[in-house]
């Protein structure tokens, strides 16, 4: 199945993978840039723990992008820093939609 055409991935976000908590607070990996399409629309989503939470933005990236663990730090094109709720690999399958990675953000 095809992936999202690169011409639609008009935004860049910076992702810092959550590594865990330390005595000084949360620890993050090195920043990496992800080419994507950002949709800043508020919606209710389920966290990995099953709670309903509010997502203020969703970033859609190509299937080759590495997923980020929940609580990873993301800087949006606007400069706003947010946190990953969850990342899902989406397979278009029988729907005929492009394969992609979906970052649901707080």
N, C-alpha and C. Protein backbone atom coordinates (compact mmCIF):
# COMPACT_ATOMS: atom_id res chain seq x y z
N UNK A 1 0.85 -1.18 0.00
CA UNK A 1 0.00 0.00 0.00
C UNK A 1 0.89 1.24 0.00
N UNK A 2 0.43 2.26 -0.60
CA UNK A 2 1.17 3.52 -0.71
C UNK A 2 1.17 4.26 0.63
N UNK A 3 2.14 5.14 0.76
CA UNK A 3 2.19 5.99 1.95
C UNK A 3 1.74 7.39 1.57
N UNK A 4 1.65 8.29 2.56
CA UNK A 4 1.23 9.66 2.31
C UNK A 4 2.24 10.30 1.35
N UNK A 5 1.78 10.93 0.27
CA UNK A 5 2.72 11.59 -0.64
C UNK A 5 3.52 12.67 0.09
N UNK A 6 4.82 12.71 -0.16
CA UNK A 6 5.69 13.65 0.55
C UNK A 6 5.28 15.11 0.35
N UNK A 7 4.63 15.41 -0.75
CA UNK A 7 4.24 16.81 -1.00
C UNK A 7 3.19 17.29 0.01
N UNK A 8 2.51 16.36 0.68
CA UNK A 8 1.53 16.73 1.70
C UNK A 8 2.16 16.90 3.09
N UNK A 9 3.38 16.42 3.24
CA UNK A 9 4.06 16.50 4.55
C UNK A 9 4.78 17.84 4.63
N UNK A 10 4.02 18.90 4.85
CA UNK A 10 4.52 20.27 4.74
C UNK A 10 5.06 20.85 6.04
N UNK A 11 4.94 20.13 7.13
CA UNK A 11 5.42 20.62 8.42
C UNK A 11 6.62 19.81 8.91
N UNK A 12 7.31 20.39 9.88
CA UNK A 12 8.40 19.69 10.57
C UNK A 12 8.14 19.82 12.08
N UNK A 13 8.21 18.69 12.78
CA UNK A 13 8.13 18.72 14.24
C UNK A 13 9.44 18.16 14.77
N UNK A 14 9.76 18.54 15.99
CA UNK A 14 10.94 17.99 16.65
C UNK A 14 10.46 17.05 17.74
N UNK A 15 10.94 15.81 17.70
CA UNK A 15 10.53 14.79 18.66
C UNK A 15 11.73 14.42 19.52
N UNK A 16 11.53 14.41 20.84
CA UNK A 16 12.54 13.93 21.79
C UNK A 16 11.91 12.76 22.54
N UNK A 17 12.40 11.55 22.28
CA UNK A 17 11.83 10.34 22.87
C UNK A 17 11.96 10.35 24.39
N UNK A 18 10.88 10.01 25.05
CA UNK A 18 10.87 9.88 26.51
C UNK A 18 11.67 8.65 26.90
N UNK A 19 12.65 8.84 27.80
CA UNK A 19 13.51 7.73 28.24
C UNK A 19 13.17 7.23 29.63
N UNK A 20 12.46 8.03 30.41
CA UNK A 20 12.11 7.64 31.77
C UNK A 20 12.29 8.81 32.72
N UNK A 21 12.02 8.56 33.99
CA UNK A 21 12.16 9.59 35.02
C UNK A 21 13.47 9.42 35.75
N UNK A 22 14.06 10.53 36.11
CA UNK A 22 15.29 10.53 36.90
C UNK A 22 15.04 11.36 38.16
N UNK A 23 16.04 11.47 38.99
CA UNK A 23 15.90 12.29 40.20
C UNK A 23 15.75 13.77 39.86
N UNK A 24 16.09 14.15 38.62
CA UNK A 24 15.99 15.54 38.18
C UNK A 24 14.78 15.78 37.29
N UNK A 25 13.92 14.78 37.13
CA UNK A 25 12.73 14.92 36.28
C UNK A 25 12.79 13.96 35.10
N UNK A 26 12.00 14.25 34.10
CA UNK A 26 11.95 13.38 32.92
C UNK A 26 13.23 13.49 32.10
N UNK A 27 13.63 12.36 31.52
CA UNK A 27 14.80 12.32 30.65
C UNK A 27 14.34 12.05 29.22
N UNK A 28 14.97 12.74 28.27
CA UNK A 28 14.60 12.62 26.86
C UNK A 28 15.82 12.30 26.03
N UNK A 29 15.59 11.64 24.91
CA UNK A 29 16.64 11.35 23.95
C UNK A 29 16.96 12.58 23.12
N UNK A 30 17.91 12.45 22.21
CA UNK A 30 18.28 13.59 21.37
C UNK A 30 17.12 13.98 20.44
N UNK A 31 17.03 15.27 20.11
CA UNK A 31 15.95 15.71 19.23
C UNK A 31 16.14 15.17 17.81
N UNK A 32 15.01 14.84 17.18
CA UNK A 32 15.03 14.42 15.78
C UNK A 32 13.88 15.11 15.06
N UNK A 33 14.13 15.47 13.82
CA UNK A 33 13.11 16.15 13.03
C UNK A 33 12.26 15.13 12.29
N UNK A 34 10.95 15.36 12.30
CA UNK A 34 10.00 14.48 11.61
C UNK A 34 9.21 15.34 10.62
N UNK A 35 9.25 14.94 9.37
CA UNK A 35 8.45 15.61 8.34
C UNK A 35 7.04 15.05 8.43
N UNK A 36 6.03 15.93 8.47
CA UNK A 36 4.66 15.48 8.72
C UNK A 36 3.64 16.51 8.26
N UNK A 37 2.39 16.19 8.49
CA UNK A 37 1.27 17.13 8.33
C UNK A 37 0.65 17.27 9.71
N UNK A 38 0.60 18.49 10.22
CA UNK A 38 0.05 18.74 11.56
C UNK A 38 -1.38 19.25 11.42
N UNK A 39 -2.29 18.62 12.17
CA UNK A 39 -3.69 19.03 12.24
C UNK A 39 -3.94 19.47 13.68
N UNK A 40 -4.07 20.79 13.89
CA UNK A 40 -4.29 21.30 15.24
C UNK A 40 -5.80 21.39 15.50
N UNK A 41 -6.36 20.22 15.74
CA UNK A 41 -7.80 20.10 16.01
C UNK A 41 -7.96 19.34 17.33
N UNK A 42 -8.81 19.86 18.20
CA UNK A 42 -9.04 19.21 19.50
C UNK A 42 -10.01 18.05 19.32
N UNK A 43 -9.64 16.91 19.91
CA UNK A 43 -10.50 15.73 19.85
C UNK A 43 -10.24 14.85 21.07
N UNK A 44 -11.20 14.03 21.41
CA UNK A 44 -11.05 13.07 22.51
C UNK A 44 -10.41 11.80 21.95
N UNK A 45 -9.38 11.30 22.66
CA UNK A 45 -8.70 10.07 22.26
C UNK A 45 -8.48 9.21 23.49
N UNK A 46 -8.13 7.97 23.28
CA UNK A 46 -7.81 7.05 24.39
C UNK A 46 -6.30 6.98 24.58
N UNK A 47 -5.87 7.09 25.81
CA UNK A 47 -4.45 6.93 26.12
C UNK A 47 -4.11 5.43 26.11
N UNK A 48 -2.83 5.08 26.11
CA UNK A 48 -2.48 3.66 26.18
C UNK A 48 -3.05 2.96 27.41
N UNK A 49 -3.30 3.72 28.49
CA UNK A 49 -3.87 3.16 29.70
C UNK A 49 -5.39 3.02 29.65
N UNK A 50 -6.02 3.50 28.56
CA UNK A 50 -7.45 3.36 28.40
C UNK A 50 -8.27 4.57 28.84
N UNK A 51 -7.63 5.60 29.39
CA UNK A 51 -8.36 6.79 29.81
C UNK A 51 -8.69 7.65 28.59
N UNK A 52 -9.82 8.34 28.66
CA UNK A 52 -10.16 9.29 27.61
C UNK A 52 -9.49 10.61 27.95
N UNK A 53 -8.69 11.12 27.02
CA UNK A 53 -7.95 12.38 27.21
C UNK A 53 -8.19 13.26 26.00
N UNK A 54 -7.81 14.53 26.13
CA UNK A 54 -7.98 15.49 25.04
C UNK A 54 -6.69 15.65 24.27
N UNK A 55 -6.77 15.45 22.97
CA UNK A 55 -5.65 15.69 22.07
C UNK A 55 -5.88 17.02 21.39
N UNK A 56 -4.89 17.91 21.43
CA UNK A 56 -5.04 19.23 20.80
C UNK A 56 -4.43 19.26 19.40
N UNK A 57 -3.61 18.27 19.06
CA UNK A 57 -2.98 18.22 17.75
C UNK A 57 -2.70 16.77 17.37
N UNK A 58 -2.69 16.53 16.06
CA UNK A 58 -2.31 15.23 15.53
C UNK A 58 -1.33 15.47 14.40
N UNK A 59 -0.23 14.73 14.38
CA UNK A 59 0.75 14.83 13.30
C UNK A 59 0.73 13.51 12.53
N UNK A 60 0.65 13.62 11.22
CA UNK A 60 0.62 12.45 10.34
C UNK A 60 1.94 12.42 9.58
N UNK A 61 2.67 11.31 9.71
CA UNK A 61 3.98 11.17 9.07
C UNK A 61 4.01 9.90 8.23
N UNK A 62 5.03 9.78 7.42
CA UNK A 62 5.19 8.59 6.59
C UNK A 62 5.45 7.36 7.43
N UNK A 63 5.17 6.17 6.88
CA UNK A 63 5.32 4.93 7.65
C UNK A 63 6.76 4.61 8.02
N UNK A 64 7.71 5.28 7.39
CA UNK A 64 9.12 5.03 7.70
C UNK A 64 9.57 5.73 8.99
N UNK A 65 8.74 6.63 9.52
CA UNK A 65 9.12 7.35 10.74
C UNK A 65 9.06 6.44 11.96
N UNK A 66 10.01 6.64 12.83
CA UNK A 66 10.08 5.87 14.08
C UNK A 66 9.00 6.38 15.04
N UNK A 67 8.30 5.47 15.66
CA UNK A 67 7.30 5.85 16.66
C UNK A 67 7.99 6.44 17.88
N UNK A 68 7.27 7.20 18.66
CA UNK A 68 7.79 7.79 19.89
C UNK A 68 6.97 7.26 21.06
N UNK A 69 7.62 6.94 22.17
CA UNK A 69 6.86 6.44 23.32
C UNK A 69 5.97 7.54 23.93
N UNK A 70 4.88 7.13 24.60
CA UNK A 70 4.08 8.12 25.32
C UNK A 70 4.97 8.96 26.24
N UNK A 71 4.60 10.20 26.43
CA UNK A 71 5.29 11.20 27.25
C UNK A 71 6.50 11.81 26.56
N UNK A 72 6.76 11.41 25.30
CA UNK A 72 7.84 12.06 24.54
C UNK A 72 7.49 13.53 24.34
N UNK A 73 8.52 14.34 24.21
CA UNK A 73 8.32 15.78 24.04
C UNK A 73 8.35 16.11 22.54
N UNK A 74 7.38 16.95 22.11
CA UNK A 74 7.29 17.34 20.70
C UNK A 74 7.18 18.86 20.62
N UNK A 75 7.98 19.45 19.74
CA UNK A 75 7.87 20.88 19.46
C UNK A 75 7.20 21.03 18.10
N UNK A 76 6.07 21.73 18.09
CA UNK A 76 5.29 21.94 16.87
C UNK A 76 5.88 23.10 16.06
N UNK A 77 5.48 23.24 14.78
CA UNK A 77 5.99 24.34 13.96
C UNK A 77 5.74 25.72 14.58
N UNK A 78 4.67 25.85 15.35
CA UNK A 78 4.34 27.13 16.00
C UNK A 78 5.29 27.45 17.16
N UNK A 79 6.10 26.45 17.58
CA UNK A 79 6.98 26.63 18.73
C UNK A 79 6.40 26.07 20.01
N UNK A 80 5.13 25.71 19.98
CA UNK A 80 4.49 25.14 21.16
C UNK A 80 5.07 23.76 21.46
N UNK A 81 5.39 23.53 22.73
CA UNK A 81 5.93 22.24 23.16
C UNK A 81 4.80 21.44 23.79
N UNK A 82 4.64 20.20 23.36
CA UNK A 82 3.56 19.35 23.82
C UNK A 82 4.10 17.95 24.10
N UNK A 83 3.21 17.04 24.47
CA UNK A 83 3.61 15.70 24.88
C UNK A 83 2.83 14.67 24.07
N UNK A 84 3.48 13.57 23.74
CA UNK A 84 2.84 12.48 23.01
C UNK A 84 1.87 11.74 23.93
N UNK A 85 0.63 11.56 23.49
CA UNK A 85 -0.32 10.70 24.18
C UNK A 85 -0.07 9.27 23.74
N UNK A 86 -0.07 9.07 22.42
CA UNK A 86 0.27 7.76 21.85
C UNK A 86 0.61 7.94 20.38
N UNK A 87 1.31 6.96 19.84
CA UNK A 87 1.66 6.93 18.43
C UNK A 87 1.15 5.62 17.87
N UNK A 88 0.48 5.71 16.71
CA UNK A 88 -0.09 4.50 16.11
C UNK A 88 0.40 4.37 14.67
N UNK A 89 0.77 3.15 14.31
CA UNK A 89 1.09 2.84 12.92
C UNK A 89 -0.22 2.47 12.25
N UNK A 90 -0.57 3.22 11.21
CA UNK A 90 -1.83 3.00 10.51
C UNK A 90 -1.57 2.33 9.17
N UNK A 91 -2.23 1.21 8.96
CA UNK A 91 -2.15 0.46 7.71
C UNK A 91 -3.45 0.71 6.96
N UNK A 92 -3.35 1.29 5.78
CA UNK A 92 -4.54 1.62 5.00
C UNK A 92 -5.39 0.41 4.66
N UNK A 93 -4.74 -0.72 4.46
CA UNK A 93 -5.45 -1.98 4.20
C UNK A 93 -6.54 -1.86 3.17
N UNK A 94 -7.70 -2.43 3.48
CA UNK A 94 -8.81 -2.48 2.53
C UNK A 94 -9.49 -1.12 2.35
N UNK A 95 -9.18 -0.16 3.22
CA UNK A 95 -9.80 1.16 3.07
C UNK A 95 -9.19 1.96 1.93
N UNK A 96 -8.00 1.57 1.52
CA UNK A 96 -7.34 2.28 0.43
C UNK A 96 -6.71 3.60 0.85
N UNK A 97 -6.58 3.83 2.15
CA UNK A 97 -5.92 5.04 2.63
C UNK A 97 -4.42 4.79 2.74
N UNK A 98 -3.62 5.84 2.68
CA UNK A 98 -2.16 5.65 2.73
C UNK A 98 -1.70 5.13 4.09
N UNK A 99 -0.67 4.31 4.08
CA UNK A 99 -0.02 3.89 5.33
C UNK A 99 0.65 5.13 5.93
N UNK A 100 0.59 5.24 7.25
CA UNK A 100 1.21 6.38 7.92
C UNK A 100 1.37 6.12 9.41
N UNK A 101 2.09 7.01 10.06
CA UNK A 101 2.26 7.01 11.51
C UNK A 101 1.50 8.22 12.04
N UNK A 102 0.68 8.01 13.08
CA UNK A 102 -0.15 9.07 13.65
C UNK A 102 0.34 9.36 15.06
N UNK A 103 0.78 10.61 15.28
CA UNK A 103 1.21 11.08 16.60
C UNK A 103 0.05 11.84 17.21
N UNK A 104 -0.56 11.33 18.28
CA UNK A 104 -1.61 12.05 18.98
C UNK A 104 -0.96 12.82 20.12
N UNK A 105 -1.18 14.12 20.16
CA UNK A 105 -0.46 15.01 21.07
C UNK A 105 -1.39 15.73 22.02
N UNK A 106 -0.88 16.00 23.24
CA UNK A 106 -1.67 16.75 24.24
C UNK A 106 -1.81 18.19 23.79
